Every structure is written in C-alpha cells, then in structure tokens.
Protein backbone atom coordinates (compact mmCIF):
# COMPACT_ATOMS: atom_id res chain seq x y z
CA MET A 1 34.52 1.10 -21.48
CA LYS A 2 36.70 -1.90 -22.39
CA LYS A 3 39.82 -0.01 -21.24
CA LEU A 4 38.11 0.79 -17.93
CA LEU A 5 37.18 -2.87 -17.38
CA LEU A 6 40.73 -3.96 -18.21
CA ALA A 7 42.16 -1.43 -15.74
CA PHE A 8 39.88 -2.67 -12.98
CA ALA A 9 40.73 -6.28 -13.78
CA LEU A 10 44.47 -5.63 -13.60
CA LEU A 11 44.04 -3.72 -10.34
CA MET A 12 42.11 -6.55 -8.76
CA LEU A 13 44.49 -9.26 -9.96
CA SER A 14 47.38 -7.38 -8.43
CA ALA A 15 45.56 -6.90 -5.12
CA GLY A 16 45.98 -10.46 -3.90
CA SER A 17 43.91 -13.60 -3.70
CA LEU A 18 41.10 -12.39 -1.45
CA LEU A 19 39.34 -9.15 -0.63
CA PHE A 20 38.51 -8.86 3.05
CA GLY A 21 35.75 -6.66 4.36
CA GLN A 22 32.04 -6.65 3.88
CA ILE A 23 29.61 -6.63 0.97
CA GLY A 24 26.34 -5.11 2.12
CA MET A 25 23.17 -6.38 0.45
CA ALA A 26 19.48 -5.57 0.61
CA LEU A 27 16.50 -6.91 -1.33
CA GLU A 28 13.14 -5.21 -1.85
CA ILE A 29 9.99 -6.41 -3.63
CA ASN A 30 7.83 -3.90 -5.49
CA ARG A 31 4.71 -5.14 -3.67
CA ASN A 32 3.74 -7.83 -1.18
CA CYS A 33 0.70 -9.22 -2.97
CA PHE A 34 0.45 -10.24 -6.64
CA LEU A 35 -2.12 -11.81 -8.90
CA GLN A 36 -1.09 -15.13 -10.42
CA PHE A 37 1.24 -14.54 -13.42
CA GLU A 38 1.65 -10.84 -12.62
CA PRO A 39 5.29 -9.71 -13.05
CA VAL A 40 7.25 -9.61 -9.77
CA TYR A 41 10.35 -7.42 -9.52
CA ALA A 42 13.11 -7.51 -6.92
CA LYS A 43 15.45 -4.59 -6.34
CA ILE A 44 18.84 -5.80 -5.09
CA THR A 45 21.26 -3.23 -3.68
CA PHE A 46 24.99 -3.80 -3.17
CA ARG A 47 27.45 -1.81 -1.04
CA ASN A 48 31.18 -2.44 -1.43
CA ASP A 49 32.95 -2.05 1.93
CA THR A 50 36.00 -4.17 1.04
CA GLY A 51 38.16 -1.12 0.37
CA LYS A 52 38.95 -2.42 -3.13
CA PRO A 53 37.13 -2.35 -6.46
CA LEU A 54 35.12 -5.47 -7.24
CA LEU A 55 34.59 -6.49 -10.87
CA PHE A 56 32.37 -9.31 -12.09
CA GLY A 57 33.68 -10.88 -15.29
CA LYS A 58 34.26 -14.14 -17.13
CA SER A 59 37.84 -14.70 -15.97
CA PRO A 60 38.10 -17.38 -13.20
CA ARG A 61 39.62 -14.74 -10.87
CA LEU A 62 36.70 -12.39 -11.55
CA GLN A 63 33.80 -14.81 -11.59
CA GLY A 64 30.89 -13.90 -9.40
CA PHE A 65 27.31 -14.99 -9.14
CA LEU A 66 24.00 -13.53 -8.01
CA MET A 67 21.46 -16.15 -6.95
CA LEU A 68 17.94 -15.97 -5.62
CA GLU A 69 16.56 -18.56 -3.26
CA ILE A 70 12.77 -18.74 -3.14
CA SER A 71 10.63 -21.12 -1.14
CA GLY A 72 6.91 -21.61 -0.71
CA VAL A 73 4.83 -22.91 2.15
CA GLY A 74 6.56 -25.84 3.86
CA GLN A 75 10.01 -24.63 2.71
CA LYS A 76 9.52 -26.15 -0.73
CA PHE A 77 12.17 -24.53 -2.94
CA VAL A 78 11.06 -22.95 -6.21
CA SER A 79 12.69 -24.26 -9.38
CA LYS A 80 14.50 -22.12 -11.94
CA ARG A 81 13.19 -21.61 -15.44
CA PRO A 82 14.98 -23.88 -17.94
CA ASN A 83 18.16 -22.32 -19.34
CA LYS A 84 17.64 -19.08 -17.41
CA GLU A 85 20.48 -17.69 -15.29
CA ILE A 86 20.92 -14.24 -13.75
CA SER A 87 24.12 -12.68 -15.13
CA ILE A 88 25.92 -9.72 -13.57
CA ASP A 89 29.01 -9.93 -15.78
CA GLY A 90 30.41 -6.44 -16.29
CA LEU A 91 29.15 -5.09 -12.97
CA ILE A 92 31.77 -2.91 -11.24
CA LEU A 93 31.52 -1.98 -7.57
CA ARG A 94 34.01 0.73 -6.71
CA PRO A 95 35.21 1.07 -3.09
CA GLY A 96 32.32 2.36 -0.99
CA GLU A 97 29.94 2.42 -3.95
CA ILE A 98 26.24 1.56 -3.64
CA ARG A 99 24.50 0.20 -6.75
CA SER A 100 21.14 -1.43 -7.42
CA ILE A 101 19.77 -3.75 -10.06
CA ILE A 102 16.21 -4.80 -10.86
CA VAL A 103 15.58 -8.54 -11.36
CA PRO A 104 12.35 -9.72 -13.05
CA VAL A 105 11.80 -12.68 -10.74
CA ASN A 106 9.18 -14.43 -12.93
CA GLU A 107 11.63 -14.56 -15.80
CA PHE A 108 14.12 -16.70 -13.88
CA TYR A 109 12.03 -18.59 -11.31
CA ASN A 110 8.77 -20.51 -11.51
CA ILE A 111 6.54 -18.56 -9.13
CA ASP A 112 3.42 -19.22 -11.19
CA GLN A 113 1.69 -21.19 -8.45
CA VAL A 114 -0.61 -19.63 -5.86
CA ASP A 115 1.45 -19.65 -2.66
CA ASN A 116 3.12 -17.61 0.08
CA TYR A 117 6.76 -17.12 -0.83
CA LYS A 118 9.98 -16.27 0.98
CA ILE A 119 12.86 -14.81 -1.01
CA HIS A 120 16.46 -13.80 -0.40
CA ALA A 121 19.52 -13.24 -2.57
CA TYR A 122 23.13 -14.46 -2.37
CA ILE A 123 26.20 -12.96 -3.96
CA SER A 124 29.53 -14.73 -4.33
CA HIS A 125 32.84 -13.84 -5.96
CA ALA A 126 36.12 -15.66 -6.46
CA MET A 127 37.96 -12.92 -4.52
CA LEU A 128 35.56 -12.82 -1.56
CA PRO A 129 36.13 -15.17 1.39
CA LYS A 130 32.45 -16.07 1.71
CA GLU A 131 28.97 -15.60 0.28
CA TYR A 132 26.79 -12.71 1.39
CA LYS A 133 23.04 -12.95 1.85
CA THR A 134 20.15 -10.49 2.11
CA PRO A 135 17.51 -10.68 4.84
CA ASP A 136 14.36 -12.59 3.94
CA ARG A 137 11.44 -10.85 2.26
CA PHE A 138 7.94 -12.24 1.84
CA PHE A 139 5.24 -11.97 -0.82
CA GLN A 140 2.14 -13.88 -1.85
CA VAL A 141 0.66 -14.89 -5.18
CA GLU A 142 -3.11 -15.24 -5.38
CA HIS A 143 -5.59 -16.43 -8.00
CA GLY A 144 -8.12 -13.72 -7.22
CA ALA A 145 -11.89 -13.92 -7.58
CA VAL A 146 -13.37 -13.96 -11.10
CA ILE A 147 -16.19 -11.42 -11.31
CA TRP A 148 -16.57 -11.29 -15.14
CA LYS A 149 -15.55 -13.69 -17.90
CA LYS A 150 -16.04 -13.90 -21.64
CA THR A 151 -14.52 -16.11 -24.37
CA VAL A 152 -14.27 -14.56 -27.84
CA GLY A 153 -13.24 -15.76 -31.27
CA ILE A 154 -10.28 -14.39 -33.22
CA PRO A 155 -11.36 -12.18 -36.16
CA ASP A 156 -10.18 -12.82 -39.70
CA ILE A 157 -7.98 -9.71 -39.68
CA TYR A 158 -5.47 -11.65 -37.58
CA ASN A 159 -3.22 -14.19 -39.26
CA LYS A 160 -4.80 -17.24 -37.64
CA SER A 161 -2.21 -19.61 -39.15
CA ARG A 162 0.41 -18.07 -36.83
CA LEU A 163 -1.75 -18.28 -33.70
CA GLN A 164 -1.86 -21.22 -31.32
CA SER A 165 -5.61 -21.09 -30.72
CA THR A 166 -8.79 -19.79 -32.31
CA GLU A 167 -10.16 -18.01 -29.24
CA ARG A 168 -9.23 -15.88 -26.26
CA THR A 169 -10.71 -15.60 -22.78
CA TYR A 170 -11.01 -12.32 -20.92
CA GLU A 171 -11.35 -12.44 -17.15
CA VAL A 172 -11.77 -9.58 -14.72
CA ARG A 173 -10.60 -10.67 -11.28
CA THR A 174 -10.46 -8.93 -7.92
CA MET A 175 -7.81 -9.26 -5.22
CA TYR A 176 -7.26 -7.56 -1.89
CA ASP A 177 -3.96 -5.78 -1.26
CA LYS A 178 -3.58 -3.83 2.00
CA ARG A 179 -7.35 -3.70 2.60
CA ARG A 180 -8.07 -2.38 -0.88
CA LYS A 181 -9.80 -4.46 -3.52
CA TYR A 182 -8.04 -4.24 -6.90
CA TYR A 183 -9.36 -5.08 -10.35
CA TYR A 184 -7.25 -7.09 -12.81
CA LEU A 185 -7.69 -8.05 -16.45
CA VAL A 186 -6.31 -11.46 -17.47
CA VAL A 187 -6.08 -12.40 -21.17
CA SER A 188 -5.51 -16.09 -21.88
CA ASP A 189 -6.28 -19.16 -23.93
CA SER A 190 -6.10 -22.84 -22.98
CA LYS A 191 -2.27 -22.82 -22.90
CA ASN A 192 -0.95 -19.29 -22.44
CA ILE A 193 -1.39 -16.11 -20.44
CA TYR A 194 -1.07 -13.12 -22.78
CA GLY A 195 -1.54 -10.30 -20.32
CA VAL A 196 -2.14 -9.51 -16.65
CA VAL A 197 -3.10 -5.87 -16.14
CA ARG A 198 -3.81 -4.15 -12.83
CA LEU A 199 -6.75 -1.86 -13.65
CA GLY A 200 -7.19 0.01 -10.38
CA HIS A 201 -8.88 -0.32 -7.02
CA GLN A 202 -12.58 -0.45 -6.22
CA MET A 203 -14.16 2.96 -5.67
CA GLY A 204 -17.11 2.69 -3.28
CA TYR A 205 -20.13 1.21 -5.00
CA GLU A 206 -19.03 2.30 -8.47
CA LYS A 207 -18.74 -0.59 -10.93
CA LEU A 208 -16.62 -1.24 -14.00
CA GLN A 209 -18.21 -0.92 -17.43
CA ILE A 210 -17.06 -3.68 -19.80
CA GLU A 211 -17.81 -4.24 -23.50
CA VAL A 212 -16.29 -6.36 -26.30
CA ASP A 213 -16.31 -4.99 -29.85
CA MET A 214 -16.60 -6.65 -33.28
CA LEU A 215 -12.80 -7.18 -33.41
CA SER A 216 -12.90 -9.06 -30.08
CA ARG A 217 -11.13 -6.20 -28.29
CA ILE A 218 -12.16 -5.56 -24.71
CA HIS A 219 -13.10 -2.05 -23.53
CA ILE A 220 -13.17 -1.15 -19.83
CA LEU A 221 -14.22 2.05 -18.08
CA VAL A 222 -12.73 2.14 -14.57
CA PRO A 223 -14.03 4.67 -12.00
CA LEU A 224 -11.06 6.32 -10.24
CA THR A 225 -13.19 8.76 -8.25
CA PRO A 226 -16.93 9.51 -8.36
CA ARG A 227 -16.19 11.96 -11.24
CA ILE A 228 -13.01 10.61 -12.94
CA PHE A 229 -12.93 7.53 -15.20
CA HIS A 230 -10.05 5.62 -16.81
CA TYR A 231 -10.85 4.29 -20.29
CA LEU A 232 -8.79 1.27 -21.39
CA SER A 233 -9.03 -1.17 -24.27
CA PHE A 234 -6.90 -4.21 -25.14
CA SER A 235 -6.38 -6.49 -28.12
CA ILE A 236 -6.67 -10.27 -28.04
CA ASP A 237 -2.94 -10.47 -27.19
CA GLY A 238 -3.22 -8.17 -24.19
CA ALA A 239 -1.73 -5.13 -25.96
CA ASN A 240 -3.06 -1.78 -24.78
CA VAL A 241 -5.04 0.04 -27.50
CA ASN A 242 -6.65 2.95 -25.61
CA ASN A 243 -5.52 4.62 -22.38
CA THR A 244 -7.31 7.91 -21.63
CA PHE A 245 -9.00 9.67 -18.71
CA TRP A 246 -12.41 11.33 -18.66
CA LYS A 247 -14.45 13.31 -16.16
CA THR A 248 -18.11 14.00 -15.61
CA SER A 249 -19.42 17.28 -17.05
CA ASN A 250 -23.04 17.74 -18.08
CA THR A 251 -22.91 14.06 -19.01
CA ILE A 252 -21.32 11.00 -17.44
CA PRO A 253 -18.62 8.99 -19.30
CA GLN A 254 -19.86 5.56 -20.38
CA LEU A 255 -19.31 2.86 -22.97
CA TYR A 256 -21.71 2.40 -25.88
CA ARG A 257 -21.81 -0.66 -28.14
CA ASN A 258 -23.59 -0.21 -31.46
CA PRO A 259 -25.93 -3.22 -31.71
CA LYS A 260 -25.69 -3.27 -35.54
CA THR A 261 -21.95 -2.78 -36.12
CA GLY A 262 -20.45 -3.99 -32.83
CA ILE A 263 -18.34 -0.82 -32.60
CA VAL A 264 -17.64 0.25 -29.01
CA THR A 265 -17.11 3.93 -28.25
CA ARG A 266 -16.66 6.00 -25.14
CA ILE A 267 -19.35 8.67 -24.94
CA GLY A 268 -20.16 11.44 -22.46
CA GLY A 269 -17.98 13.57 -20.20
CA VAL A 270 -14.89 15.58 -21.14
CA GLU A 271 -11.22 14.65 -21.12
CA ALA A 272 -9.55 14.81 -17.70
CA ILE A 273 -6.06 16.30 -17.29
CA ARG A 274 -3.40 14.44 -15.31
CA GLY A 275 -2.09 16.42 -12.37
CA ARG A 276 -4.95 18.91 -12.51
CA ASP A 277 -8.14 16.84 -12.35
CA PHE A 278 -6.65 13.76 -10.71
CA VAL A 279 -3.45 12.28 -9.28
CA ASN A 280 -1.50 10.40 -11.92
CA PRO A 281 -2.13 6.66 -11.26
CA ASP A 282 1.10 5.81 -13.16
CA GLY A 283 3.27 7.71 -10.67
CA ASN A 284 5.07 4.55 -9.49
CA LYS A 285 5.15 2.85 -12.86
CA LYS A 286 7.89 2.77 -15.48
CA PRO A 287 8.05 1.50 -19.06
CA ALA A 288 9.70 -1.89 -19.38
CA SER A 289 12.44 -0.29 -21.50
CA GLN A 290 13.70 1.52 -18.39
CA ILE A 291 14.26 -1.66 -16.40
CA LEU A 292 15.01 -4.33 -19.00
CA MET A 293 16.88 -4.42 -22.25
CA ASP A 294 14.51 -4.79 -25.22
CA GLU A 295 15.91 -8.20 -26.11
CA ASP A 296 15.25 -9.39 -22.55
CA ILE A 297 11.58 -8.49 -22.90
CA GLU A 298 11.30 -10.27 -26.23
CA ASN A 299 13.14 -13.37 -25.01
CA ALA A 300 11.00 -13.55 -21.88
CA SER A 301 7.85 -13.50 -24.00
CA ARG A 302 9.18 -16.37 -26.11
CA GLN A 303 10.44 -18.43 -23.18
CA TYR A 304 7.16 -18.75 -21.33
CA GLY A 305 3.58 -17.57 -21.44
CA PRO A 306 2.91 -15.36 -18.41
CA ARG A 307 4.35 -12.10 -19.73
CA PRO A 308 2.46 -9.16 -21.25
CA LYS A 309 3.42 -8.78 -24.92
CA ALA A 310 2.74 -5.06 -25.34
CA SER A 311 5.76 -3.25 -26.76
CA GLN A 312 5.91 -0.79 -23.85
CA PRO A 313 3.98 -2.27 -20.89
CA MET A 314 3.91 -0.27 -17.66
CA PHE A 315 4.95 -2.15 -14.52
CA ASP A 316 4.36 -1.04 -10.95
CA LEU A 317 7.81 -0.97 -9.35
CA GLY A 318 6.85 0.70 -6.11
CA LYS A 319 8.46 3.82 -4.71
CA GLY A 320 12.17 4.36 -5.29
CA MET A 321 12.75 1.24 -7.39
CA GLU A 322 14.89 2.53 -10.23
CA ARG A 323 17.18 0.66 -12.54
CA THR A 324 20.81 1.83 -12.17
CA VAL A 325 22.81 -0.96 -13.81
CA ARG A 326 23.17 -1.57 -17.57
CA ASP A 327 22.27 2.03 -18.43
C-alpha cells in the first residue's frame, strides 16, 4: 500500500502545479428527521473528472481538506467539536473514479440543539484551482414528546466509584417522521446521554409494554404488527441486552414482572422468524464497525456524551449508504 501511495504521489508531483477539470460531489443524509442526540450520518460521494489521479496526503503538494458547513435557523453557523477535524489523508481518487465516505456528523459538529439545519460539504486540494461544494441538504432535530419516564438507582453490582452519578433516567419519546409516529428510548443522567434508540413506529392502537427489573434494566415489548412483537431490554448505560421477536400463538406475548423478586420475563407467544413471519426491521441498518473504525467509536464516546456506548450498536443509514473508504 505504501508503494502504491508513493507511486501516485510521484505521478501527481510530475503532472504540474494544478489539475484542471471537475470534481463532482454529492451529499446525502440518512434521514431528514432526528431525535435530539440521535446519530446523524452524511454520505459524501466524490467523482474525479480531472483526468489525473488525486491523492490526499500530508505533503504540502498533496494536502486536501473535507469540510462541512452547517447552519441552523437564521443562518447561524454550527460550531465544531473541540479538537475534532475530518481527515481524508490517504484517500486516492483515480481518474474517473467514484468513491463515497460516511461522516458521523455529530462527532465533528455540535448539532445537539433542537433546530432545522442546512448542510453542505466542501473539498479543497493544493493541486485543484478552486474548492468544490455539494448542493444543500436539510434535516431537523427534534426533542420529541415524552410519553413515559422513570428514574432508577444504580444497583450495587456496578462499580459505582467509576460512575458519574448514582441514578439513570429512562424516557420513551415519540416523534413524527414522514407522517409516522416513532418511539424512541433515551437513557440519561443529569449530565450525559448514554443512549438514543429508535424502537419502531406506532402500530394502530397497540401500545408499548414497559417494565424495569431489579437490576434497573428496562424491558420493552414493541408491537410491529397486530401479531408480531419486538422484545428489547437495555442496561443503565444504554447497552442492548435482549433483542428478539415473538408472535401470537395460543397466547399473546407480554412482559411479566415478579412482584417478589423484581425479575422481568417475556411470557406468551412463540418465537418469530425474520424473513418468514415478518420483514426484517434492521434491513437498512449496519453495525457501527462497518462504518467507523473501532477506535473512532471509542474516542467519540469519550469526547462527548450523546453517543450510544454499546459495543456493536445498529445505526439506520438509509438505503444505499455503504462505507467504501478505509476498508
């Protein structure tokens, strides 16, 4: 790989001072409406029509930058996160090549506030005569409506000396997206957001079943259809503990909390099979490991609060949003 980068660098340095032609760019957002603190991803696609290879490196002749410009209502520009810069060093665009990258927008820009946002991207390079810009895209961040809330203590099994608080708050919020009402789980304390999970959309008059067990874990039974239910449970840090699907048989799936022990179990129904009994709701989701390097996920969790801390969270990237750079 190093020899390939060196060959491209030598080829570009011998090509002259500037590359004329066009760099095509497009930017897509995985959705148009997000709950506050929910991860937002932008897919940025490049097309090299300069007729020459384009390499992004650390040398002054190869330096290039990818920048996002985000503004809220009233054209108020959004600030960057402290010490966070988008790096595309090592990216090679061969003549005529089309490549895409996924940028976790929350990681680099402070879009934590409820607002309507406009976003576009710029790319610049020392060998290009000008900057190139994508068309504007728009998305909104909403607080949602709280329909259920409970604050719980942290059990002794957790090392409380390493935690920043002695309690957690679970909230179930609703938010409309394209005429559908969606349920969200938000796990927080007075200072941090530990998880924001999109649970699914409202199904007619069916309601969620919610219980908290003796270890302060939250259990949720989400109706996907009148007969299919999604059973989820989460720890106090927003990590997913259970993720299974059940269907009505002679009995109906439901949650049961033992009043003496506090143990919560799912009872009734039989297990549902993905692809046979129901359409897979994770069809447009990918594990974080497929779109970010592991160290990026860990660093993001340390840098600021609003990031799920599960080791393999699933993020909705929308159709066709696949990571193709840094394989």
